[in-house]
Amino acid sequence: MSIRIIILFILIASIVITEGCSDLRQADLLLAERIMEENADSALVILDNMDTGNLDRSEFLYFALLYTQAQVKTGMCIKSDSLIYIC
């Protein structure tokens, strides 16, 4: 195999992996939103288990909105408005 084919393979594989992770994060956010009205506690568990370090700006803003909504619906005491401020 030539070095060009190996580099091309690595590049394509990294793009596919990155897109797959993004789809999973978006699926978690959409699932949390879908179940928010009837199962806010379950939505909060989904959001708590997400790795927010890999979210892009729009995904993080969506996460912050859903997380704050889940906290309010579960009756949690919100001590800081930093997530609301981000939005």
Protein backbone atom coordinates (compact mmCIF):
# COMPACT_ATOMS: atom_id res chain seq x y z
CA MET A 1 0.00 0.00 0.00
CA SER A 2 1.24 3.41 -0.77
CA ILE A 3 1.42 6.10 1.86
CA ARG A 4 -1.23 8.15 0.02
CA ILE A 5 -3.79 5.37 0.32
CA ILE A 6 -3.06 4.95 4.03
CA ILE A 7 -3.39 8.70 4.66
CA LEU A 8 -6.62 8.83 2.65
CA PHE A 9 -8.02 5.89 4.63
CA ILE A 10 -7.13 7.53 7.96
CA LEU A 11 -8.70 10.81 6.86
CA ILE A 12 -11.94 9.16 5.76
CA ALA A 13 -12.11 7.06 8.92
CA SER A 14 -11.66 10.11 11.15
CA ILE A 15 -14.42 11.99 9.33
CA VAL A 16 -16.82 9.05 9.67
CA ILE A 17 -16.03 8.63 13.38
CA THR A 18 -16.47 12.36 14.06
CA GLU A 19 -19.81 12.48 12.26
CA GLY A 20 -20.99 9.36 14.11
CA CYS A 21 -20.22 10.90 17.50
CA SER A 22 -22.03 14.09 16.55
CA ASP A 23 -25.10 12.08 15.55
CA LEU A 24 -25.08 10.26 18.91
CA ARG A 25 -24.87 13.54 20.84
CA GLN A 26 -27.74 14.99 18.84
CA ALA A 27 -29.78 11.81 19.37
CA ASP A 28 -29.28 12.11 23.14
CA LEU A 29 -30.38 15.75 23.09
CA LEU A 30 -33.45 14.95 20.99
CA LEU A 31 -34.38 12.02 23.25
CA ALA A 32 -34.08 14.22 26.33
CA GLU A 33 -36.33 16.82 24.71
CA ARG A 34 -38.90 14.22 23.67
CA ILE A 35 -39.30 12.73 27.13
CA MET A 36 -38.99 16.02 29.04
CA GLU A 37 -42.72 16.66 29.57
CA GLU A 38 -43.61 13.29 31.06
CA ASN A 39 -40.25 12.08 32.41
CA ALA A 40 -38.14 15.08 33.30
CA ASP A 41 -36.11 13.03 35.76
CA SER A 42 -35.13 10.58 33.00
CA ALA A 43 -34.25 13.47 30.71
CA LEU A 44 -32.03 14.87 33.46
CA VAL A 45 -30.24 11.51 33.78
CA ILE A 46 -29.57 11.47 30.02
CA LEU A 47 -28.24 15.03 30.14
CA ASP A 48 -26.14 14.35 33.25
CA ASN A 49 -24.44 11.45 31.50
CA MET A 50 -23.49 13.47 28.41
CA ASP A 51 -19.90 14.56 27.83
CA THR A 52 -20.39 18.29 27.22
CA GLY A 53 -16.72 18.87 26.45
CA ASN A 54 -17.22 17.65 22.88
CA LEU A 55 -20.33 19.69 22.05
CA ASP A 56 -20.13 22.45 19.48
CA ARG A 57 -21.63 25.84 20.38
CA SER A 58 -25.15 25.17 19.08
CA GLU A 59 -25.26 21.74 20.72
CA PHE A 60 -24.05 23.21 24.02
CA LEU A 61 -26.68 25.95 23.96
CA TYR A 62 -29.36 23.33 23.26
CA PHE A 63 -27.94 21.22 26.11
CA ALA A 64 -27.98 24.22 28.50
CA LEU A 65 -31.61 24.96 27.65
CA LEU A 66 -32.71 21.35 28.14
CA TYR A 67 -30.68 20.93 31.32
CA THR A 68 -32.20 24.04 32.88
CA GLN A 69 -35.68 22.93 31.83
CA ALA A 70 -35.12 19.48 33.39
CA GLN A 71 -33.91 21.05 36.63
CA VAL A 72 -37.00 23.25 36.86
CA LYS A 73 -39.41 20.41 36.04
CA THR A 74 -37.84 18.10 38.64
CA GLY A 75 -38.01 20.79 41.32
CA MET A 76 -34.27 21.13 41.73
CA CYS A 77 -32.98 24.24 43.40
CA ILE A 78 -31.02 26.18 40.80
CA LYS A 79 -28.28 28.01 42.70
CA SER A 80 -26.57 29.51 39.67
CA ASP A 81 -27.98 31.06 36.53
CA SER A 82 -24.75 30.53 34.60
CA LEU A 83 -26.36 28.07 32.15
CA ILE A 84 -29.27 30.43 31.51
CA TYR A 85 -26.78 33.30 31.06
CA ILE A 86 -24.95 31.32 28.35
CA CYS A 87 -28.13 31.06 26.29
